[in-house]
């Protein structure tokens, strides 16, 4: 975000809204994917090199999914504080008397969004890494029924 003063309030609010959507998508998708990885991992049977290879890949994918969850959870306090600031901005009419106060809120919102972006970016990166391999690619012949 790294906005320069004066803040483009509409742009900053759009950035915040997009960030909230990204966090919500992660919160919806990652736990379910982690569950798929874990279920598949527990079903891989046998002691062959190929079975061990798939286990290793799934353990790595599970770790990346868990790191994704950790990262987006770390962003939540920043997003909640940002939500509070947005509420304050909505209640404060734009006026000359309140301009300095409003600018201070916008600057703090920009800082919160910047911090949360780093965490959400990392969460998305880890989630992408967790998707390789897809648990569905484990051969059915290797899975316990």
Protein backbone atom coordinates (compact mmCIF):
# COMPACT_ATOMS: atom_id res chain seq x y z
CA UNK A 1 0.00 0.00 0.00
CA UNK A 2 2.62 2.55 1.16
CA UNK A 3 0.40 5.52 0.39
CA UNK A 4 1.85 8.98 0.29
CA UNK A 5 0.12 11.83 2.15
CA UNK A 6 -2.44 13.00 1.38
CA UNK A 7 -4.02 9.58 1.43
CA UNK A 8 -6.21 8.35 -1.37
CA UNK A 9 -8.90 7.21 1.02
CA UNK A 10 -10.96 5.34 -1.57
CA UNK A 11 -7.90 3.43 -2.79
CA UNK A 12 -6.87 2.56 0.77
CA UNK A 13 -10.37 1.35 1.65
CA UNK A 14 -10.45 -0.75 -1.54
CA UNK A 15 -7.07 -2.25 -0.64
CA UNK A 16 -8.38 -3.07 2.83
CA UNK A 17 -11.55 -4.67 1.44
CA UNK A 18 -9.51 -6.78 -1.01
CA UNK A 19 -7.23 -7.88 1.82
CA UNK A 20 -10.22 -8.93 3.93
CA UNK A 21 -11.50 -11.00 1.01
CA UNK A 22 -8.11 -12.69 0.60
CA UNK A 23 -8.02 -13.52 4.31
CA UNK A 24 -11.58 -14.86 4.21
CA UNK A 25 -10.74 -17.06 1.22
CA UNK A 26 -7.76 -18.50 3.07
CA UNK A 27 -9.83 -19.08 6.18
CA UNK A 28 -12.39 -20.96 4.11
CA UNK A 29 -10.04 -23.00 1.92
CA UNK A 30 -6.91 -23.86 3.91
CA UNK A 31 -8.43 -25.83 6.82
CA UNK A 32 -10.44 -28.01 4.43
CA UNK A 33 -7.35 -28.63 2.32
CA UNK A 34 -5.31 -29.44 5.42
CA UNK A 35 -7.98 -31.98 6.34
CA UNK A 36 -7.70 -33.59 2.88
CA UNK A 37 -3.92 -33.80 3.22
CA UNK A 38 -4.15 -35.32 6.70
CA UNK A 39 -6.78 -37.87 5.69
CA UNK A 40 -4.74 -38.94 2.67
CA UNK A 41 -1.53 -39.10 4.69
CA UNK A 42 -3.11 -41.45 7.21
CA UNK A 43 -4.31 -43.70 4.42
CA UNK A 44 -0.96 -44.14 2.63
CA UNK A 45 0.03 -47.73 3.28
CA UNK A 46 3.08 -49.82 2.62
CA UNK A 47 6.77 -49.37 3.13
CA UNK A 48 7.90 -49.00 -0.49
CA UNK A 49 10.11 -46.16 -1.62
CA UNK A 50 7.15 -44.73 -3.53
CA UNK A 51 4.88 -44.85 -0.46
CA UNK A 52 7.58 -43.21 1.64
CA UNK A 53 8.05 -40.56 -1.05
CA UNK A 54 4.31 -39.74 -1.05
CA UNK A 55 4.29 -39.62 2.76
CA UNK A 56 7.22 -37.22 2.70
CA UNK A 57 5.52 -34.96 0.16
CA UNK A 58 2.27 -34.97 2.11
CA UNK A 59 4.05 -34.20 5.40
CA UNK A 60 5.68 -31.22 3.69
CA UNK A 61 2.34 -30.12 2.24
CA UNK A 62 0.72 -30.45 5.67
CA UNK A 63 3.45 -28.29 7.19
CA UNK A 64 2.93 -25.62 4.54
CA UNK A 65 -0.83 -25.65 5.10
CA UNK A 66 -0.29 -25.27 8.84
CA UNK A 67 2.08 -22.34 8.21
CA UNK A 68 -0.55 -20.76 5.95
CA UNK A 69 -3.08 -21.00 8.77
CA UNK A 70 -0.60 -19.55 11.25
CA UNK A 71 0.15 -16.62 8.94
CA UNK A 72 -3.42 -15.64 8.23
CA UNK A 73 -4.28 -16.02 11.92
CA UNK A 74 -1.48 -13.58 12.71
CA UNK A 75 -3.10 -11.09 10.34
CA UNK A 76 -6.49 -11.18 12.11
CA UNK A 77 -5.66 -8.68 14.91
CA UNK A 78 -4.40 -6.22 12.29
CA UNK A 79 -7.54 -6.69 10.22
CA UNK A 80 -9.81 -6.36 13.27
CA UNK A 81 -8.11 -3.12 14.28
CA UNK A 82 -8.37 -1.89 10.71
CA UNK A 83 -12.09 -2.73 10.75
CA UNK A 84 -12.47 -0.60 13.87
CA UNK A 85 -10.68 2.31 12.19
CA UNK A 86 -12.89 2.00 9.11
CA UNK A 87 -15.91 2.19 11.42
CA UNK A 88 -14.52 5.34 13.01
CA UNK A 89 -13.91 6.84 9.58
CA UNK A 90 -17.50 6.03 8.57
CA UNK A 91 -18.85 7.81 11.67
CA UNK A 92 -16.62 10.87 11.30
CA UNK A 93 -17.95 13.35 8.74
CA UNK A 94 -15.38 14.78 6.38
CA UNK A 95 -14.81 18.34 7.54
CA UNK A 96 -11.96 20.78 7.79
CA UNK A 97 -11.95 20.55 11.61
CA UNK A 98 -11.59 16.77 11.57
CA UNK A 99 -9.11 16.54 8.69
CA UNK A 100 -6.02 16.08 10.88
CA UNK A 101 -7.73 13.41 12.97
CA UNK A 102 -9.01 11.67 9.84
CA UNK A 103 -5.53 11.74 8.27
CA UNK A 104 -4.11 10.14 11.43
CA UNK A 105 -6.71 7.36 11.20
CA UNK A 106 -5.94 6.85 7.53
CA UNK A 107 -2.22 6.68 8.23
CA UNK A 108 -2.78 4.07 10.94
CA UNK A 109 -5.08 2.13 8.62
CA UNK A 110 -2.40 2.20 5.94
CA UNK A 111 0.16 0.82 8.41
CA UNK A 112 -2.19 -1.97 9.50
CA UNK A 113 -2.95 -2.91 5.90
CA UNK A 114 0.76 -2.91 5.03
CA UNK A 115 1.53 -5.24 7.96
CA UNK A 116 -1.38 -7.57 7.22
CA UNK A 117 -0.48 -7.76 3.52
CA UNK A 118 2.87 -9.31 4.41
CA UNK A 119 1.16 -12.01 6.49
CA UNK A 120 -1.55 -12.72 3.94
CA UNK A 121 1.01 -12.86 1.12
CA UNK A 122 3.01 -15.41 3.11
CA UNK A 123 -0.13 -17.40 3.90
CA UNK A 124 -1.07 -17.52 0.21
CA UNK A 125 2.46 -18.57 -0.72
CA UNK A 126 2.40 -21.37 1.85
CA UNK A 127 -1.04 -22.47 0.71
CA UNK A 128 0.16 -22.62 -2.89
CA UNK A 129 3.12 -24.71 -1.74
CA UNK A 130 0.77 -26.99 0.22
CA UNK A 131 -1.14 -27.73 -2.98
CA UNK A 132 1.89 -29.49 -4.43
CA UNK A 133 1.31 -32.38 -4.38
CA UNK A 134 -2.44 -32.58 -4.56
CA UNK A 135 -3.52 -35.42 -2.24
CA UNK A 136 -5.66 -36.72 -5.09
CA UNK A 137 -2.49 -37.62 -7.01
CA UNK A 138 -1.54 -40.35 -4.56
CA UNK A 139 -2.22 -43.63 -6.41
CA UNK A 140 -5.35 -45.34 -5.15
CA UNK A 141 -3.44 -48.60 -4.95
CA UNK A 142 -1.33 -47.06 -2.18
CA UNK A 143 -4.26 -46.03 -0.02
CA UNK A 144 -5.95 -48.09 2.66
CA UNK A 145 -9.66 -48.33 2.13
